[in-house]
Amino acid sequence: MPEHVIIEIVGKPSYLRWTLEQWVLEVKDIIELEYDVELVVKTVDSDNDLPVLRIAGSDVFIGLPGEEGYLIEVLKKKLEEIGIKKKELG
């Protein structure tokens, strides 16, 4: 299992990209605790008008999710796809 996962927010500097970055940073601790993995968040400038959420090198979402809860589900799904499982309780 990887010790850390890189999350990139790719796009032109804009309110949408900033908002996506802030949402990722807000839920980062929750995901790290639940999955026992370090998330490294990076912002990457590009020509994309809409921000792209890239996790472990794969583009997983374009634009801004309708709400933070949907973002959490996108993050969890991708972590499980790359073999990172939830930490067992107890």
PDB file of N, CA and C in Angstrom:
ATOM      1  N   MET A   1       0.849  -1.177   0.000  1.00  0.00           N
ATOM      2  CA  MET A   1       0.000   0.000   0.000  1.00  0.00           C
ATOM      3  C   MET A   1       0.894   1.239   0.000  1.00  0.00           C
ATOM      4  N   PRO A   2       0.544   2.233  -0.821  1.00  0.00           N
ATOM      5  CA  PRO A   2       1.371   3.442  -0.852  1.00  0.00           C
ATOM      6  C   PRO A   2       1.343   4.181   0.481  1.00  0.00           C
ATOM      7  N   GLU A   3       2.462   4.804   0.820  1.00  0.00           N
ATOM      8  CA  GLU A   3       2.532   5.598   2.051  1.00  0.00           C
ATOM      9  C   GLU A   3       1.801   6.922   1.887  1.00  0.00           C
ATOM     10  N   HIS A   4       1.735   7.402   0.647  1.00  0.00           N
ATOM     11  CA  HIS A   4       1.006   8.638   0.385  1.00  0.00           C
ATOM     12  C   HIS A   4       0.405   8.586  -1.016  1.00  0.00           C
ATOM     13  N   VAL A   5      -0.602   9.407  -1.209  1.00  0.00           N
ATOM     14  CA  VAL A   5      -1.263   9.526  -2.505  1.00  0.00           C
ATOM     15  C   VAL A   5      -1.244  11.001  -2.884  1.00  0.00           C
ATOM     16  N   ILE A   6      -0.864  11.267  -4.130  1.00  0.00           N
ATOM     17  CA  ILE A   6      -0.811  12.652  -4.602  1.00  0.00           C
ATOM     18  C   ILE A   6      -2.145  13.025  -5.235  1.00  0.00           C
ATOM     19  N   ILE A   7      -2.696  14.127  -4.759  1.00  0.00           N
ATOM     20  CA  ILE A   7      -3.917  14.695  -5.322  1.00  0.00           C
ATOM     21  C   ILE A   7      -3.525  16.024  -5.949  1.00  0.00           C
ATOM     22  N   GLU A   8      -3.830  16.158  -7.236  1.00  0.00           N
ATOM     23  CA  GLU A   8      -3.523  17.400  -7.936  1.00  0.00           C
ATOM     24  C   GLU A   8      -4.818  18.088  -8.358  1.00  0.00           C
ATOM     25  N   ILE A   9      -4.862  19.386  -8.167  1.00  0.00           N
ATOM     26  CA  ILE A   9      -5.946  20.202  -8.680  1.00  0.00           C
ATOM     27  C   ILE A   9      -5.339  21.001  -9.821  1.00  0.00           C
ATOM     28  N   VAL A  10      -5.755  20.662 -11.044  1.00  0.00           N
ATOM     29  CA  VAL A  10      -5.125  21.182 -12.251  1.00  0.00           C
ATOM     30  C   VAL A  10      -6.070  22.173 -12.931  1.00  0.00           C
ATOM     31  N   GLY A  11      -5.556  23.336 -13.305  1.00  0.00           N
ATOM     32  CA  GLY A  11      -6.383  24.289 -14.039  1.00  0.00           C
ATOM     33  C   GLY A  11      -5.830  25.695 -13.957  1.00  0.00           C
ATOM     34  N   LYS A  12      -6.518  26.591 -14.649  1.00  0.00           N
ATOM     35  CA  LYS A  12      -6.161  28.008 -14.583  1.00  0.00           C
ATOM     36  C   LYS A  12      -6.454  28.523 -13.187  1.00  0.00           C
ATOM     37  N   PRO A  13      -5.633  29.443 -12.698  1.00  0.00           N
ATOM     38  CA  PRO A  13      -5.979  30.068 -11.424  1.00  0.00           C
ATOM     39  C   PRO A  13      -7.360  30.732 -11.547  1.00  0.00           C
ATOM     40  N   SER A  14      -8.291  30.289 -10.716  1.00  0.00           N
ATOM     41  CA  SER A  14      -9.659  30.804 -10.792  1.00  0.00           C
ATOM     42  C   SER A  14     -10.372  30.515  -9.482  1.00  0.00           C
ATOM     43  N   TYR A  15     -11.541  31.093  -9.355  1.00  0.00           N
ATOM     44  CA  TYR A  15     -12.356  30.839  -8.167  1.00  0.00           C
ATOM     45  C   TYR A  15     -12.735  29.361  -8.076  1.00  0.00           C
ATOM     46  N   LEU A  16     -13.055  28.743  -9.214  1.00  0.00           N
ATOM     47  CA  LEU A  16     -13.431  27.323  -9.203  1.00  0.00           C
ATOM     48  C   LEU A  16     -12.275  26.450  -8.729  1.00  0.00           C
ATOM     49  N   ARG A  17     -11.077  26.705  -9.250  1.00  0.00           N
ATOM     50  CA  ARG A  17      -9.925  25.903  -8.824  1.00  0.00           C
ATOM     51  C   ARG A  17      -9.641  26.120  -7.343  1.00  0.00           C
ATOM     52  N   TRP A  18      -9.705  27.358  -6.896  1.00  0.00           N
ATOM     53  CA  TRP A  18      -9.475  27.671  -5.486  1.00  0.00           C
ATOM     54  C   TRP A  18     -10.507  26.966  -4.605  1.00  0.00           C
ATOM     55  N   THR A  19     -11.768  26.989  -5.028  1.00  0.00           N
ATOM     56  CA  THR A  19     -12.832  26.336  -4.256  1.00  0.00           C
ATOM     57  C   THR A  19     -12.582  24.837  -4.158  1.00  0.00           C
ATOM     58  N   LEU A  20     -12.233  24.194  -5.270  1.00  0.00           N
ATOM     59  CA  LEU A  20     -11.956  22.758  -5.242  1.00  0.00           C
ATOM     60  C   LEU A  20     -10.780  22.461  -4.319  1.00  0.00           C
ATOM     61  N   GLU A  21      -9.744  23.271  -4.390  1.00  0.00           N
ATOM     62  CA  GLU A  21      -8.586  23.080  -3.516  1.00  0.00           C
ATOM     63  C   GLU A  21      -8.992  23.200  -2.044  1.00  0.00           C
ATOM     64  N   GLN A  22      -9.797  24.196  -1.715  1.00  0.00           N
ATOM     65  CA  GLN A  22     -10.231  24.380  -0.329  1.00  0.00           C
ATOM     66  C   GLN A  22     -11.075  23.205   0.152  1.00  0.00           C
ATOM     67  N   TRP A  23     -11.955  22.705  -0.709  1.00  0.00           N
ATOM     68  CA  TRP A  23     -12.783  21.551  -0.332  1.00  0.00           C
ATOM     69  C   TRP A  23     -11.911  20.326  -0.073  1.00  0.00           C
ATOM     70  N   VAL A  24     -10.928  20.092  -0.949  1.00  0.00           N
ATOM     71  CA  VAL A  24     -10.031  18.945  -0.748  1.00  0.00           C
ATOM     72  C   VAL A  24      -9.290  19.098   0.579  1.00  0.00           C
ATOM     73  N   LEU A  25      -8.804  20.288   0.859  1.00  0.00           N
ATOM     74  CA  LEU A  25      -8.082  20.512   2.116  1.00  0.00           C
ATOM     75  C   LEU A  25      -8.994  20.337   3.331  1.00  0.00           C
ATOM     76  N   GLU A  26     -10.274  20.700   3.197  1.00  0.00           N
ATOM     77  CA  GLU A  26     -11.214  20.554   4.308  1.00  0.00           C
ATOM     78  C   GLU A  26     -11.502  19.090   4.643  1.00  0.00           C
ATOM     79  N   VAL A  27     -11.540  18.220   3.629  1.00  0.00           N
ATOM     80  CA  VAL A  27     -11.881  16.812   3.876  1.00  0.00           C
ATOM     81  C   VAL A  27     -10.644  15.925   4.005  1.00  0.00           C
ATOM     82  N   LYS A  28      -9.476  16.480   3.753  1.00  0.00           N
ATOM     83  CA  LYS A  28      -8.213  15.721   3.750  1.00  0.00           C
ATOM     84  C   LYS A  28      -7.997  14.945   5.048  1.00  0.00           C
ATOM     85  N   ASP A  29      -8.133  15.602   6.194  1.00  0.00           N
ATOM     86  CA  ASP A  29      -7.895  14.938   7.481  1.00  0.00           C
ATOM     87  C   ASP A  29      -8.850  13.769   7.708  1.00  0.00           C
ATOM     88  N   ILE A  30     -10.098  13.947   7.329  1.00  0.00           N
ATOM     89  CA  ILE A  30     -11.104  12.887   7.496  1.00  0.00           C
ATOM     90  C   ILE A  30     -10.701  11.655   6.697  1.00  0.00           C
ATOM     91  N   ILE A  31     -10.338  11.862   5.440  1.00  0.00           N
ATOM     92  CA  ILE A  31      -9.952  10.746   4.567  1.00  0.00           C
ATOM     93  C   ILE A  31      -8.667  10.091   5.069  1.00  0.00           C
ATOM     94  N   GLU A  32      -7.692  10.897   5.482  1.00  0.00           N
ATOM     95  CA  GLU A  32      -6.425  10.341   5.976  1.00  0.00           C
ATOM     96  C   GLU A  32      -6.657   9.450   7.193  1.00  0.00           C
ATOM     97  N   LEU A  33      -7.506   9.876   8.102  1.00  0.00           N
ATOM     98  CA  LEU A  33      -7.791   9.067   9.295  1.00  0.00           C
ATOM     99  C   LEU A  33      -8.550   7.797   8.942  1.00  0.00           C
ATOM    100  N   GLU A  34      -9.519   7.920   8.052  1.00  0.00           N
ATOM    101  CA  GLU A  34     -10.356   6.774   7.699  1.00  0.00           C
ATOM    102  C   GLU A  34      -9.586   5.716   6.913  1.00  0.00           C
ATOM    103  N   TYR A  35      -8.626   6.151   6.091  1.00  0.00           N
ATOM    104  CA  TYR A  35      -7.892   5.222   5.228  1.00  0.00           C
ATOM    105  C   TYR A  35      -6.437   5.030   5.646  1.00  0.00           C
ATOM    106  N   ASP A  36      -5.992   5.708   6.687  1.00  0.00           N
ATOM    107  CA  ASP A  36      -4.624   5.584   7.185  1.00  0.00           C
ATOM    108  C   ASP A  36      -3.594   5.785   6.069  1.00  0.00           C
ATOM    109  N   VAL A  37      -3.759   6.890   5.331  1.00  0.00           N
ATOM    110  CA  VAL A  37      -2.855   7.219   4.233  1.00  0.00           C
ATOM    111  C   VAL A  37      -2.646   8.734   4.232  1.00  0.00           C
ATOM    112  N   GLU A  38      -1.462   9.160   3.826  1.00  0.00           N
ATOM    113  CA  GLU A  38      -1.189  10.592   3.713  1.00  0.00           C
ATOM    114  C   GLU A  38      -1.609  11.068   2.327  1.00  0.00           C
ATOM    115  N   LEU A  39      -2.374  12.140   2.283  1.00  0.00           N
ATOM    116  CA  LEU A  39      -2.754  12.755   1.019  1.00  0.00           C
ATOM    117  C   LEU A  39      -1.901  14.002   0.823  1.00  0.00           C
ATOM    118  N   VAL A  40      -1.197  14.051  -0.291  1.00  0.00           N
ATOM    119  CA  VAL A  40      -0.360  15.196  -0.631  1.00  0.00           C
ATOM    120  C   VAL A  40      -1.115  16.000  -1.689  1.00  0.00           C
ATOM    121  N   VAL A  41      -1.517  17.212  -1.340  1.00  0.00           N
ATOM    122  CA  VAL A  41      -2.330  18.038  -2.235  1.00  0.00           C
ATOM    123  C   VAL A  41      -1.442  19.066  -2.928  1.00  0.00           C
ATOM    124  N   LYS A  42      -1.533  19.078  -4.261  1.00  0.00           N
ATOM    125  CA  LYS A  42      -0.751  20.020  -5.067  1.00  0.00           C
ATOM    126  C   LYS A  42      -1.685  20.758  -6.019  1.00  0.00           C
ATOM    127  N   THR A  43      -1.342  21.991  -6.312  1.00  0.00           N
ATOM    128  CA  THR A  43      -2.071  22.770  -7.310  1.00  0.00           C
ATOM    129  C   THR A  43      -1.164  22.943  -8.517  1.00  0.00           C
ATOM    130  N   VAL A  44      -1.713  22.663  -9.705  1.00  0.00           N
ATOM    131  CA  VAL A  44      -0.931  22.702 -10.936  1.00  0.00           C
ATOM    132  C   VAL A  44      -1.601  23.664 -11.919  1.00  0.00           C
ATOM    133  N   ASP A  45      -0.854  24.647 -12.388  1.00  0.00           N
ATOM    134  CA  ASP A  45      -1.380  25.573 -13.397  1.00  0.00           C
ATOM    135  C   ASP A  45      -1.451  24.886 -14.755  1.00  0.00           C
ATOM    136  N   SER A  46      -2.537  25.144 -15.476  1.00  0.00           N
ATOM    137  CA  SER A  46      -2.684  24.649 -16.844  1.00  0.00           C
ATOM    138  C   SER A  46      -3.622  25.591 -17.588  1.00  0.00           C
ATOM    139  N   ASP A  47      -3.936  25.256 -18.824  1.00  0.00           N
ATOM    140  CA  ASP A  47      -4.844  26.070 -19.630  1.00  0.00           C
ATOM    141  C   ASP A  47      -6.307  25.667 -19.453  1.00  0.00           C
ATOM    142  N   ASN A  48      -6.575  24.664 -18.618  1.00  0.00           N
ATOM    143  CA  ASN A  48      -7.950  24.189 -18.424  1.00  0.00           C
ATOM    144  C   ASN A  48      -8.797  25.271 -17.760  1.00  0.00           C
ATOM    145  N   ASP A  49      -9.931  25.610 -18.370  1.00  0.00           N
ATOM    146  CA  ASP A  49     -10.844  26.570 -17.749  1.00  0.00           C
ATOM    147  C   ASP A  49     -11.491  25.974 -16.506  1.00  0.00           C
ATOM    148  N   LEU A  50     -11.878  24.710 -16.593  1.00  0.00           N
ATOM    149  CA  LEU A  50     -12.461  24.017 -15.445  1.00  0.00           C
ATOM    150  C   LEU A  50     -11.365  23.258 -14.712  1.00  0.00           C
ATOM    151  N   PRO A  51     -11.409  23.241 -13.390  1.00  0.00           N
ATOM    152  CA  PRO A  51     -10.394  22.487 -12.652  1.00  0.00           C
ATOM    153  C   PRO A  51     -10.572  20.985 -12.854  1.00  0.00           C
ATOM    154  N   VAL A  52      -9.457  20.285 -12.855  1.00  0.00           N
ATOM    155  CA  VAL A  52      -9.457  18.827 -12.979  1.00  0.00           C
ATOM    156  C   VAL A  52      -8.897  18.261 -11.684  1.00  0.00           C
ATOM    157  N   LEU A  53      -9.614  17.307 -11.105  1.00  0.00           N
ATOM    158  CA  LEU A  53      -9.139  16.617  -9.907  1.00  0.00           C
ATOM    159  C   LEU A  53      -8.414  15.361 -10.365  1.00  0.00           C
ATOM    160  N   ARG A  54      -7.120  15.296 -10.069  1.00  0.00           N
ATOM    161  CA  ARG A  54      -6.280  14.168 -10.478  1.00  0.00           C
ATOM    162  C   ARG A  54      -5.794  13.467  -9.218  1.00  0.00           C
ATOM    163  N   ILE A  55      -6.052  12.170  -9.144  1.00  0.00           N
ATOM    164  CA  ILE A  55      -5.643  11.380  -7.984  1.00  0.00           C
ATOM    165  C   ILE A  55      -4.751  10.249  -8.464  1.00  0.00           C
ATOM    166  N   ALA A  56      -3.552  10.176  -7.901  1.00  0.00           N
ATOM    167  CA  ALA A  56      -2.581   9.133  -8.255  1.00  0.00           C
ATOM    168  C   ALA A  56      -2.363   9.075  -9.766  1.00  0.00           C
ATOM    169  N   GLY A  57      -2.319  10.245 -10.406  1.00  0.00           N
ATOM    170  CA  GLY A  57      -2.029  10.319 -11.829  1.00  0.00           C
ATOM    171  C   GLY A  57      -3.211  10.152 -12.755  1.00  0.00           C
ATOM    172  N   SER A  58      -4.411   9.885 -12.220  1.00  0.00           N
ATOM    173  CA  SER A  58      -5.607   9.698 -13.047  1.00  0.00           C
ATOM    174  C   SER A  58      -6.584  10.850 -12.849  1.00  0.00           C
ATOM    175  N   ASP A  59      -7.088  11.384 -13.954  1.00  0.00           N
ATOM    176  CA  ASP A  59      -8.117  12.414 -13.869  1.00  0.00           C
ATOM    177  C   ASP A  59      -9.423  11.746 -13.446  1.00  0.00           C
ATOM    178  N   VAL A  60      -9.999  12.202 -12.337  1.00  0.00           N
ATOM    179  CA  VAL A  60     -11.208  11.557 -11.816  1.00  0.00           C
ATOM    180  C   VAL A  60     -12.430  12.465 -11.818  1.00  0.00           C
ATOM    181  N   PHE A  61     -12.234  13.767 -11.976  1.00  0.00           N
ATOM    182  CA  PHE A  61     -13.380  14.674 -11.997  1.00  0.00           C
ATOM    183  C   PHE A  61     -12.973  15.967 -12.684  1.00  0.00           C
ATOM    184  N   ILE A  62     -13.874  16.481 -13.515  1.00  0.00           N
ATOM    185  CA  ILE A  62     -13.652  17.768 -14.175  1.00  0.00           C
ATOM    186  C   ILE A  62     -14.726  18.729 -13.688  1.00  0.00           C
ATOM    187  N   GLY A  63     -14.303  19.894 -13.249  1.00  0.00           N
ATOM    188  CA  GLY A  63     -15.245  20.884 -12.743  1.00  0.00           C
ATOM    189  C   GLY A  63     -15.279  20.863 -11.230  1.00  0.00           C
ATOM    190  N   LEU A  64     -16.391  21.316 -10.692  1.00  0.00           N
ATOM    191  CA  LEU A  64     -16.568  21.404  -9.249  1.00  0.00           C
ATOM    192  C   LEU A  64     -17.738  20.521  -8.854  1.00  0.00           C
ATOM    193  N   PRO A  65     -17.534  19.550  -7.951  1.00  0.00           N
ATOM    194  CA  PRO A  65     -18.661  18.725  -7.510  1.00  0.00           C
ATOM    195  C   PRO A  65     -19.763  19.604  -6.922  1.00  0.00           C
ATOM    196  N   GLY A  66     -20.993  19.131  -6.982  1.00  0.00           N
ATOM    197  CA  GLY A  66     -22.118  19.897  -6.476  1.00  0.00           C
ATOM    198  C   GLY A  66     -22.036  20.193  -4.993  1.00  0.00           C
ATOM    199  N   GLU A  67     -21.322  19.346  -4.260  1.00  0.00           N
ATOM    200  CA  GLU A  67     -21.178  19.538  -2.815  1.00  0.00           C
ATOM    201  C   GLU A  67     -19.972  18.748  -2.320  1.00  0.00           C
ATOM    202  N   GLU A  68     -19.528  19.058  -1.110  1.00  0.00           N
ATOM    203  CA  GLU A  68     -18.347  18.397  -0.552  1.00  0.00           C
ATOM    204  C   GLU A  68     -18.571  16.906  -0.330  1.00  0.00           C
ATOM    205  N   GLY A  69     -19.794  16.513  -0.017  1.00  0.00           N
ATOM    206  CA  GLY A  69     -20.087  15.094   0.198  1.00  0.00           C
ATOM    207  C   GLY A  69     -19.790  14.265  -1.038  1.00  0.00           C
ATOM    208  N   TYR A  70     -20.100  14.809  -2.209  1.00  0.00           N
ATOM    209  CA  TYR A  70     -19.808  14.097  -3.445  1.00  0.00           C
ATOM    210  C   TYR A  70     -18.298  13.996  -3.653  1.00  0.00           C
ATOM    211  N   LEU A  71     -17.580  15.043  -3.309  1.00  0.00           N
ATOM    212  CA  LEU A  71     -16.119  15.023  -3.403  1.00  0.00           C
ATOM    213  C   LEU A  71     -15.543  13.913  -2.527  1.00  0.00           C
ATOM    214  N   ILE A  72     -16.058  13.773  -1.319  1.00  0.00           N
ATOM    215  CA  ILE A  72     -15.591  12.712  -0.416  1.00  0.00           C
ATOM    216  C   ILE A  72     -15.791  11.351  -1.063  1.00  0.00           C
ATOM    217  N   GLU A  73     -16.951  11.128  -1.674  1.00  0.00           N
ATOM    218  CA  GLU A  73     -17.223   9.841  -2.323  1.00  0.00           C
ATOM    219  C   GLU A  73     -16.279   9.593  -3.497  1.00  0.00           C
ATOM    220  N   VAL A  74     -15.969  10.627  -4.272  1.00  0.00           N
ATOM    221  CA  VAL A  74     -15.019  10.496  -5.390  1.00  0.00           C
ATOM    222  C   VAL A  74     -13.646  10.092  -4.859  1.00  0.00           C
ATOM    223  N   LEU A  75     -13.195  10.746  -3.790  1.00  0.00           N
ATOM    224  CA  LEU A  75     -11.895  10.431  -3.198  1.00  0.00           C
ATOM    225  C   LEU A  75     -11.860   8.995  -2.679  1.00  0.00           C
ATOM    226  N   LYS A  76     -12.882   8.591  -1.942  1.00  0.00           N
ATOM    227  CA  LYS A  76     -12.927   7.238  -1.373  1.00  0.00           C
ATOM    228  C   LYS A  76     -12.926   6.178  -2.468  1.00  0.00           C
ATOM    229  N   LYS A  77     -13.732   6.400  -3.504  1.00  0.00           N
ATOM    230  CA  LYS A  77     -13.815   5.420  -4.591  1.00  0.00           C
ATOM    231  C   LYS A  77     -12.452   5.227  -5.254  1.00  0.00           C
ATOM    232  N   LYS A  78     -11.758   6.327  -5.530  1.00  0.00           N
ATOM    233  CA  LYS A  78     -10.460   6.218  -6.199  1.00  0.00           C
ATOM    234  C   LYS A  78      -9.429   5.553  -5.293  1.00  0.00           C
ATOM    235  N   LEU A  79      -9.424   5.887  -4.008  1.00  0.00           N
ATOM    236  CA  LEU A  79      -8.484   5.241  -3.081  1.00  0.00           C
ATOM    237  C   LEU A  79      -8.701   3.730  -3.068  1.00  0.00           C
ATOM    238  N   GLU A  80      -9.954   3.306  -3.033  1.00  0.00           N
ATOM    239  CA  GLU A  80     -10.235   1.871  -3.025  1.00  0.00           C
ATOM    240  C   GLU A  80      -9.861   1.223  -4.350  1.00  0.00           C
ATOM    241  N   GLU A  81     -10.034   1.946  -5.460  1.00  0.00           N
ATOM    242  CA  GLU A  81      -9.636   1.417  -6.771  1.00  0.00           C
ATOM    243  C   GLU A  81      -8.132   1.167  -6.847  1.00  0.00           C
ATOM    244  N   ILE A  82      -7.336   1.984  -6.152  1.00  0.00           N
ATOM    245  CA  ILE A  82      -5.880   1.797  -6.213  1.00  0.00           C
ATOM    246  C   ILE A  82      -5.372   0.921  -5.068  1.00  0.00           C
ATOM    247  N   GLY A  83      -6.302   0.280  -4.360  1.00  0.00           N
ATOM    248  CA  GLY A  83      -5.910  -0.716  -3.365  1.00  0.00           C
ATOM    249  C   GLY A  83      -5.791  -0.235  -1.939  1.00  0.00           C
ATOM    250  N   ILE A  84      -6.249   0.962  -1.654  1.00  0.00           N
ATOM    251  CA  ILE A  84      -6.191   1.469  -0.281  1.00  0.00           C
ATOM    252  C   ILE A  84      -7.548   1.227   0.365  1.00  0.00           C
ATOM    253  N   LYS A  85      -7.544   0.463   1.427  1.00  0.00           N
ATOM    254  CA  LYS A  85      -8.788   0.087   2.107  1.00  0.00           C
ATOM    255  C   LYS A  85      -8.976   0.905   3.374  1.00  0.00           C
ATOM    256  N   LYS A  86     -10.238   0.989   3.796  1.00  0.00           N
ATOM    257  CA  LYS A  86     -10.549   1.675   5.051  1.00  0.00           C
ATOM    258  C   LYS A  86      -9.834   0.999   6.202  1.00  0.00           C
ATOM    259  N   LYS A  87      -9.423   1.808   7.153  1.00  0.00           N
ATOM    260  CA  LYS A  87      -8.794   1.289   8.363  1.00  0.00           C
ATOM    261  C   LYS A  87      -9.871   0.579   9.175  1.00  0.00           C
ATOM    262  N   GLU A  88      -9.530  -0.599   9.678  1.00  0.00           N
ATOM    263  CA  GLU A  88     -10.488  -1.348  10.494  1.00  0.00           C
ATOM    264  C   GLU A  88     -10.588  -0.735  11.874  1.00  0.00           C
ATOM    265  N   LEU A  89     -11.804  -0.647  12.366  1.00  0.00           N
ATOM    266  CA  LEU A  89     -12.031  -0.100  13.700  1.00  0.00           C
ATOM    267  C   LEU A  89     -11.699  -1.136  14.756  1.00  0.00           C
ATOM    268  N   GLY A  90     -11.235  -0.655  15.895  1.00  0.00           N
ATOM    269  CA  GLY A  90     -11.004  -1.546  17.030  1.00  0.00           C
ATOM    270  C   GLY A  90      -9.619  -2.007  17.079  1.00  0.00           C
TER     271      GLY A  90
END
